[in-house]
Amino acid sequence: MNKILVGVVELEKDRFNPWTKKHIHILEYNNIQWIHLAIDKSDFYNDLKKCTHVIFCVAGRTTHRYIGSIMIPIMDKFMGKRVFPDYNTFWTFDDKIKETILLKINDFPIADSNVFFEKQRAIKWVNLEASFPLVFKLKTGAGSMNVILVRNKKKANQIINRMFSTGVYSEKVPFGKIKIKLYKKIRNYVQKTYRRLNKRDISHDWELEKNYVYFQKFLPNNDYDTRITIIGNRAFAFRRFNRKNDFRSSGSGKIDYNTNGINLDMIKIAFKISKKLNFSSMAYDFLYDEEIPVIGEISYAYLDVAIYNCPGYWDLDLNWHEGNYWPEFFHLIDLLQISDLKCPKFLNE
């Protein structure tokens, strides 16, 4: 067996994101050799060629996603590296249009959605065929920040006109906003001030979204969604309840880990999708259309502590395995194919 050398990619100067830091701690705890990769350094390409495996965890920043869209296919498809996330897992990341088309074309149960790339067709559909209310989404964004309820044709036409003219910046959707708690406003202000003082881009390079519209069927009587996260042959699950007087649950922080509330059919569907589409790790957000489970969104990126707080996981046969586990631990077990990998206790501290 060839010696393992893991390349860990840095996406922001001298900083690793929280996922990547945990990956590094686990590698070091198991005495697995790793090297620091930075794409803008002169030795990047030679170092990359030496690696047997690569960790390339992309977060939400536009530039990071763009770099990932270049390098992950090259490493996975053209260089034959074992990468987390691999190409199949990463391809839909932070793009609801890709998610929708991929799931629809494979006949998986996604909430009824309509995507338009031509203004007049969108207007015709809204005025002649659509049933209100509708949910409008930008293709990008997390935590419900770019998701709003559209109650009538007038508002829908305003959105279409805006999206096919000046466009909208991510997290700056003007048609309806989420109330942000005071402590989060203070945290955001401190973060922006820190970045400004350190001469970093404070905008997180938000990109302009335009020349498309994405409408999804509004599904009433859903007080929560069910998040099913598949990592290899393991399924973690919890329910997220809606914000007060709101239809949105993502980012609410109101999490119920009681396994009695989990619909096991959702787990079966998620396993089936991950297997067919070769996702190494994917989170699925389920709602009900009447009594039928449907998917609202999917994402390979998720809050790791929410997975750790789950009381256990189900395997492919729906057997239950008790315990708290960091997802990064299972990422590495599957990536490195080392079944007896050890997880350091200090990750919990």
Protein backbone atom coordinates (compact mmCIF):
# COMPACT_ATOMS: atom_id res chain seq x y z
CA MET A 1 0.00 0.00 0.00
CA ASN A 2 1.34 3.42 -0.99
CA LYS A 3 2.15 5.84 1.78
CA ILE A 4 -0.60 8.40 2.40
CA LEU A 5 0.17 12.08 1.93
CA VAL A 6 -2.79 14.39 2.39
CA GLY A 7 -2.77 17.84 0.83
CA VAL A 8 -4.85 20.34 2.81
CA VAL A 9 -5.84 23.39 0.77
CA GLU A 10 -5.80 26.86 2.30
CA LEU A 11 -8.34 29.23 0.72
CA GLU A 12 -7.61 32.37 2.72
CA LYS A 13 -4.09 33.49 3.54
CA ASP A 14 -2.70 31.56 6.52
CA ARG A 15 -6.18 30.47 7.64
CA PHE A 16 -8.09 27.21 7.58
CA ASN A 17 -11.85 27.04 8.05
CA PRO A 18 -13.26 25.17 11.10
CA TRP A 19 -13.96 21.97 9.14
CA THR A 20 -10.42 21.86 7.80
CA LYS A 21 -8.90 22.51 11.22
CA LYS A 22 -10.69 19.46 12.61
CA HIS A 23 -9.52 17.38 9.65
CA ILE A 24 -5.94 18.43 10.42
CA HIS A 25 -6.27 17.60 14.13
CA ILE A 26 -7.55 14.12 13.28
CA LEU A 27 -4.75 13.54 10.76
CA GLU A 28 -2.10 14.58 13.27
CA TYR A 29 -3.66 12.51 16.07
CA ASN A 30 -3.38 9.45 13.81
CA ASN A 31 0.18 10.32 12.68
CA ILE A 32 -0.93 10.72 9.06
CA GLN A 33 1.34 12.99 7.06
CA TRP A 34 -0.19 16.09 5.54
CA ILE A 35 1.10 19.18 3.74
CA HIS A 36 -0.21 22.70 3.45
CA LEU A 37 -1.36 23.64 -0.08
CA ALA A 38 -1.97 27.23 -1.19
CA ILE A 39 -2.96 27.67 -4.81
CA ASP A 40 -1.17 31.00 -5.26
CA LYS A 41 2.20 29.71 -4.05
CA SER A 42 4.86 28.71 -6.58
CA ASP A 43 5.27 25.19 -5.16
CA PHE A 44 1.53 24.40 -5.24
CA TYR A 45 1.52 22.29 -8.41
CA ASN A 46 4.56 20.20 -7.53
CA ASP A 47 3.26 19.62 -3.99
CA LEU A 48 -0.19 18.69 -5.30
CA LYS A 49 1.30 16.03 -7.58
CA LYS A 50 2.93 14.36 -4.56
CA CYS A 51 -0.36 14.05 -2.66
CA THR A 52 -2.42 10.87 -2.60
CA HIS A 53 -5.46 12.60 -1.08
CA VAL A 54 -6.68 16.20 -0.90
CA ILE A 55 -8.95 18.08 1.50
CA PHE A 56 -10.46 21.10 -0.26
CA CYS A 57 -13.31 22.34 1.94
CA VAL A 58 -14.96 25.29 0.25
CA ALA A 59 -17.17 27.62 2.29
CA GLY A 60 -19.55 30.30 1.04
CA ARG A 61 -17.28 32.95 -0.43
CA THR A 62 -17.66 33.50 -4.16
CA THR A 63 -13.94 33.40 -4.90
CA HIS A 64 -13.54 30.17 -2.94
CA ARG A 65 -16.39 28.53 -4.84
CA TYR A 66 -14.82 29.64 -8.11
CA ILE A 67 -11.42 28.20 -7.17
CA GLY A 68 -13.14 24.98 -6.11
CA SER A 69 -15.03 24.78 -9.40
CA ILE A 70 -11.66 24.85 -11.21
CA MET A 71 -9.48 22.68 -9.01
CA ILE A 72 -11.82 19.96 -7.67
CA PRO A 73 -12.70 18.60 -11.16
CA ILE A 74 -9.02 18.72 -12.15
CA MET A 75 -7.86 16.88 -9.04
CA ASP A 76 -10.70 14.34 -9.05
CA LYS A 77 -11.34 13.69 -12.75
CA PHE A 78 -8.03 14.46 -14.41
CA MET A 79 -5.39 13.74 -11.75
CA GLY A 80 -7.12 10.78 -10.10
CA LYS A 81 -6.71 12.15 -6.59
CA ARG A 82 -9.08 11.13 -3.81
CA VAL A 83 -10.62 14.45 -2.83
CA PHE A 84 -13.02 15.66 -0.17
CA PRO A 85 -15.36 16.91 -1.41
CA ASP A 86 -15.13 15.05 -4.69
CA TYR A 87 -16.51 16.41 -7.96
CA ASN A 88 -19.95 14.80 -7.70
CA THR A 89 -20.41 16.03 -4.14
CA PHE A 90 -19.20 19.57 -4.83
CA TRP A 91 -20.87 20.23 -8.20
CA THR A 92 -24.23 21.44 -6.82
CA PHE A 93 -22.77 23.42 -3.91
CA ASP A 94 -24.58 26.70 -3.25
CA ASP A 95 -26.51 26.51 -6.51
CA LYS A 96 -30.20 25.72 -6.10
CA ILE A 97 -30.72 25.67 -9.86
CA LYS A 98 -28.18 22.88 -10.30
CA GLU A 99 -29.73 20.99 -7.37
CA THR A 100 -33.23 21.29 -8.81
CA ILE A 101 -32.35 20.20 -12.33
CA LEU A 102 -30.19 17.30 -11.13
CA LEU A 103 -32.86 15.93 -8.80
CA LYS A 104 -35.69 16.47 -11.29
CA ILE A 105 -33.90 14.76 -14.15
CA ASN A 106 -33.30 11.74 -11.91
CA ASP A 107 -36.96 11.65 -10.77
CA PHE A 108 -36.21 12.33 -7.12
CA PRO A 109 -38.90 14.07 -5.02
CA ILE A 110 -37.95 17.75 -4.99
CA ALA A 111 -40.51 20.43 -4.14
CA ASP A 112 -42.21 21.62 -7.33
CA SER A 113 -39.94 24.35 -8.76
CA ASN A 114 -39.80 26.55 -11.84
CA VAL A 115 -36.60 28.11 -13.17
CA PHE A 116 -36.67 30.73 -15.94
CA PHE A 117 -33.76 32.19 -17.90
CA GLU A 118 -35.94 34.27 -20.22
CA LYS A 119 -37.95 37.21 -18.90
CA GLN A 120 -41.08 36.98 -21.05
CA ARG A 121 -41.57 33.28 -20.33
CA ALA A 122 -41.31 34.02 -16.61
CA ILE A 123 -43.88 36.82 -16.85
CA LYS A 124 -46.27 34.66 -18.88
CA TRP A 125 -46.02 31.82 -16.35
CA VAL A 126 -46.55 34.11 -13.35
CA ASN A 127 -49.59 35.82 -14.87
CA LEU A 128 -51.31 32.80 -16.45
CA GLU A 129 -50.25 29.64 -14.62
CA ALA A 130 -48.74 30.27 -11.20
CA SER A 131 -50.61 29.67 -7.95
CA PHE A 132 -49.85 32.01 -5.06
CA PRO A 133 -48.20 32.33 -2.67
CA LEU A 134 -44.85 31.23 -4.15
CA VAL A 135 -41.39 30.99 -2.65
CA PHE A 136 -38.69 33.00 -4.44
CA LYS A 137 -35.06 32.01 -3.99
CA LEU A 138 -31.74 33.20 -5.24
CA LYS A 139 -29.68 30.26 -6.44
CA THR A 140 -27.08 31.04 -3.79
CA GLY A 141 -27.20 31.55 -0.04
CA ALA A 142 -27.70 29.69 3.24
CA GLY A 143 -29.72 30.14 6.42
CA SER A 144 -32.83 31.32 4.51
CA MET A 145 -31.24 34.71 3.85
CA ASN A 146 -32.17 34.69 0.14
CA VAL A 147 -35.59 33.07 0.50
CA ILE A 148 -38.85 35.05 0.59
CA LEU A 149 -42.58 34.49 0.26
CA VAL A 150 -44.26 36.06 -2.79
CA ARG A 151 -47.95 36.57 -2.13
CA ASN A 152 -49.28 37.91 -5.44
CA LYS A 153 -48.64 38.55 -9.15
CA LYS A 154 -47.64 42.17 -8.58
CA LYS A 155 -44.78 41.21 -6.29
CA ALA A 156 -43.73 38.35 -8.57
CA ASN A 157 -43.55 40.70 -11.56
CA GLN A 158 -41.48 43.19 -9.53
CA ILE A 159 -39.02 40.41 -8.76
CA ILE A 160 -38.83 39.30 -12.39
CA ASN A 161 -38.22 42.86 -13.60
CA ARG A 162 -35.47 43.33 -11.01
CA MET A 163 -33.79 40.00 -11.72
CA PHE A 164 -33.73 40.67 -15.47
CA SER A 165 -32.41 44.24 -15.12
CA THR A 166 -30.20 45.47 -12.26
CA GLY A 167 -30.18 42.15 -10.41
CA VAL A 168 -29.72 41.47 -6.69
CA TYR A 169 -26.66 40.89 -4.54
CA SER A 170 -26.65 37.77 -2.41
CA GLU A 171 -27.89 38.45 1.13
CA LYS A 172 -29.22 41.81 -0.08
CA VAL A 173 -32.63 40.64 -1.29
CA PRO A 174 -34.81 43.79 -1.04
CA PHE A 175 -38.20 42.11 -1.33
CA GLY A 176 -38.35 40.69 2.18
CA LYS A 177 -35.80 40.37 4.96
CA ILE A 178 -35.20 38.18 7.97
CA LYS A 179 -35.02 39.97 11.31
CA ILE A 180 -31.51 39.60 12.67
CA LYS A 181 -31.01 39.30 16.41
CA LEU A 182 -29.04 42.06 18.12
CA TYR A 183 -26.10 39.84 19.09
CA LYS A 184 -25.72 38.75 15.45
CA LYS A 185 -25.76 42.37 14.29
CA ILE A 186 -23.01 43.16 16.82
CA ARG A 187 -21.02 40.08 15.73
CA ASN A 188 -21.32 41.04 12.05
CA TYR A 189 -20.23 44.60 12.83
CA VAL A 190 -17.19 43.37 14.77
CA GLN A 191 -16.26 40.97 11.95
CA LYS A 192 -16.52 43.70 9.30
CA THR A 193 -14.51 46.12 11.46
CA TYR A 194 -11.81 43.48 11.98
CA ARG A 195 -11.63 42.79 8.25
CA ARG A 196 -11.47 46.50 7.46
CA LEU A 197 -8.66 47.12 9.96
CA ASN A 198 -6.74 44.19 8.51
CA LYS A 199 -7.29 45.51 4.97
CA ARG A 200 -9.47 42.59 3.95
CA ASP A 201 -12.54 42.68 1.75
CA ILE A 202 -15.49 43.33 4.08
CA SER A 203 -18.13 42.41 1.53
CA HIS A 204 -17.16 38.73 1.30
CA ASP A 205 -17.21 39.41 -2.47
CA TRP A 206 -20.96 39.02 -2.90
CA GLU A 207 -21.76 38.53 -6.56
CA LEU A 208 -24.61 40.03 -8.53
CA GLU A 209 -27.44 37.58 -9.21
CA LYS A 210 -29.40 38.32 -12.37
CA ASN A 211 -30.94 37.01 -15.61
CA TYR A 212 -32.85 34.17 -13.98
CA VAL A 213 -35.73 33.64 -11.56
CA TYR A 214 -36.35 30.64 -9.32
CA PHE A 215 -39.80 30.03 -7.88
CA GLN A 216 -40.71 27.08 -5.66
CA LYS A 217 -44.14 25.89 -4.61
CA PHE A 218 -45.13 27.16 -1.18
CA LEU A 219 -45.85 24.20 1.10
CA PRO A 220 -48.12 25.30 3.99
CA ASN A 221 -48.53 23.47 7.28
CA ASN A 222 -44.81 22.74 7.62
CA ASP A 223 -43.82 23.96 11.07
CA TYR A 224 -40.38 22.44 10.62
CA ASP A 225 -38.12 20.81 8.07
CA THR A 226 -36.18 17.59 8.55
CA ARG A 227 -32.44 17.72 7.89
CA ILE A 228 -31.04 14.33 6.82
CA THR A 229 -27.26 14.31 6.44
CA ILE A 230 -25.70 11.36 4.68
CA ILE A 231 -21.98 10.68 5.20
CA GLY A 232 -21.02 7.50 3.39
CA ASN A 233 -23.30 4.77 4.77
CA ARG A 234 -24.44 6.83 7.77
CA ALA A 235 -27.53 9.00 8.19
CA PHE A 236 -27.80 11.73 10.81
CA ALA A 237 -31.15 13.45 11.31
CA PHE A 238 -32.87 16.23 13.23
CA ARG A 239 -35.78 18.62 12.82
CA ARG A 240 -35.48 22.41 12.56
CA PHE A 241 -38.52 24.41 13.62
CA ASN A 242 -39.55 27.65 11.95
CA ARG A 243 -38.78 31.11 13.18
CA LYS A 244 -41.62 32.85 15.01
CA ASN A 245 -44.33 33.99 12.58
CA ASP A 246 -42.27 32.77 9.63
CA PHE A 247 -42.30 29.87 7.18
CA ARG A 248 -38.49 29.49 7.13
CA SER A 249 -36.62 27.05 9.34
CA SER A 250 -33.06 27.01 7.99
CA GLY A 251 -30.83 29.02 10.30
CA SER A 252 -33.52 29.33 13.00
CA GLY A 253 -31.39 27.45 15.56
CA LYS A 254 -34.55 25.71 16.84
CA ILE A 255 -33.29 22.13 16.57
CA ASP A 256 -35.02 19.01 17.88
CA TYR A 257 -32.76 15.94 18.10
CA ASN A 258 -35.50 13.54 19.25
CA THR A 259 -35.29 10.59 16.86
CA ASN A 260 -38.98 9.75 17.39
CA GLY A 261 -39.85 12.71 15.17
CA ILE A 262 -37.84 11.46 12.18
CA ASN A 263 -39.62 9.99 9.17
CA LEU A 264 -37.50 7.00 8.19
CA ASP A 265 -38.76 7.21 4.60
CA MET A 266 -36.79 10.45 4.30
CA ILE A 267 -33.63 8.61 5.33
CA LYS A 268 -34.30 5.93 2.72
CA ILE A 269 -34.76 8.58 0.02
CA ALA A 270 -31.58 10.40 1.03
CA PHE A 271 -29.55 7.17 1.00
CA LYS A 272 -30.94 6.34 -2.44
CA ILE A 273 -29.99 9.73 -3.87
CA SER A 274 -26.49 9.74 -2.40
CA LYS A 275 -25.85 6.25 -3.74
CA LYS A 276 -27.11 6.93 -7.27
CA LEU A 277 -25.41 10.33 -7.62
CA ASN A 278 -22.21 9.25 -5.83
CA PHE A 279 -22.29 11.91 -3.12
CA SER A 280 -19.72 11.26 -0.39
CA SER A 281 -21.50 13.64 1.99
CA MET A 282 -24.75 15.53 1.51
CA ALA A 283 -27.39 17.25 3.64
CA TYR A 284 -31.03 17.07 2.50
CA ASP A 285 -33.77 19.41 3.73
CA PHE A 286 -37.16 17.66 3.64
CA LEU A 287 -40.64 19.15 3.82
CA TYR A 288 -44.09 17.67 3.26
CA ASP A 289 -46.24 18.32 0.19
CA GLU A 290 -49.52 17.21 1.74
CA GLU A 291 -48.21 13.95 3.28
CA ILE A 292 -45.47 13.28 0.72
CA PRO A 293 -41.83 13.98 1.68
CA VAL A 294 -40.13 16.32 -0.80
CA ILE A 295 -36.72 17.98 -0.81
CA GLY A 296 -36.39 21.74 -0.57
CA GLU A 297 -32.61 22.01 -0.91
CA ILE A 298 -29.39 20.02 -0.62
CA SER A 299 -25.85 21.01 0.37
CA TYR A 300 -22.55 19.27 1.01
CA ALA A 301 -21.65 22.01 3.54
CA TYR A 302 -23.36 22.10 6.92
CA LEU A 303 -22.78 23.07 10.54
CA ASP A 304 -20.62 20.30 11.98
CA VAL A 305 -21.67 20.80 15.60
CA ALA A 306 -25.30 20.10 14.63
CA ILE A 307 -24.18 16.67 13.42
CA TYR A 308 -22.09 16.11 16.55
CA ASN A 309 -25.12 16.90 18.72
CA CYS A 310 -27.14 14.10 17.11
CA PRO A 311 -27.48 11.16 19.55
CA GLY A 312 -26.33 8.71 16.88
CA TYR A 313 -26.87 7.64 13.29
CA TRP A 314 -28.64 5.05 11.13
CA ASP A 315 -26.75 2.74 8.77
CA LEU A 316 -27.96 1.55 5.35
CA ASP A 317 -30.13 -1.14 6.96
CA LEU A 318 -31.61 1.46 9.34
CA ASN A 319 -29.82 -0.03 12.32
CA TRP A 320 -29.21 2.57 15.02
CA HIS A 321 -25.69 3.42 16.27
CA GLU A 322 -25.58 5.39 19.50
CA GLY A 323 -23.00 8.12 20.10
CA ASN A 324 -21.81 11.62 19.21
CA TYR A 325 -19.53 11.92 16.21
CA TRP A 326 -17.85 14.79 14.40
CA PRO A 327 -18.59 14.59 10.67
CA GLU A 328 -14.95 15.35 9.87
CA PHE A 329 -14.03 12.03 11.46
CA PHE A 330 -16.24 10.10 9.05
CA HIS A 331 -15.15 12.28 6.12
CA LEU A 332 -11.60 11.04 6.73
CA ILE A 333 -12.54 7.41 7.37
CA ASP A 334 -14.23 7.33 3.96
CA LEU A 335 -11.64 9.44 2.15
CA LEU A 336 -8.61 7.52 3.45
CA GLN A 337 -10.42 4.19 3.70
CA ILE A 338 -9.03 3.62 7.19
CA SER A 339 -11.72 1.94 9.27
CA ASP A 340 -9.81 2.07 12.57
CA LEU A 341 -9.07 5.79 12.47
CA LYS A 342 -9.11 7.40 15.94
CA CYS A 343 -10.86 10.65 16.85
CA PRO A 344 -9.15 12.85 19.46
CA LYS A 345 -11.27 13.79 22.45
CA PHE A 346 -10.02 17.38 22.40
CA LEU A 347 -12.20 18.07 19.33
CA ASN A 348 -15.10 18.21 21.78
CA GLU A 349 -13.49 20.90 23.90
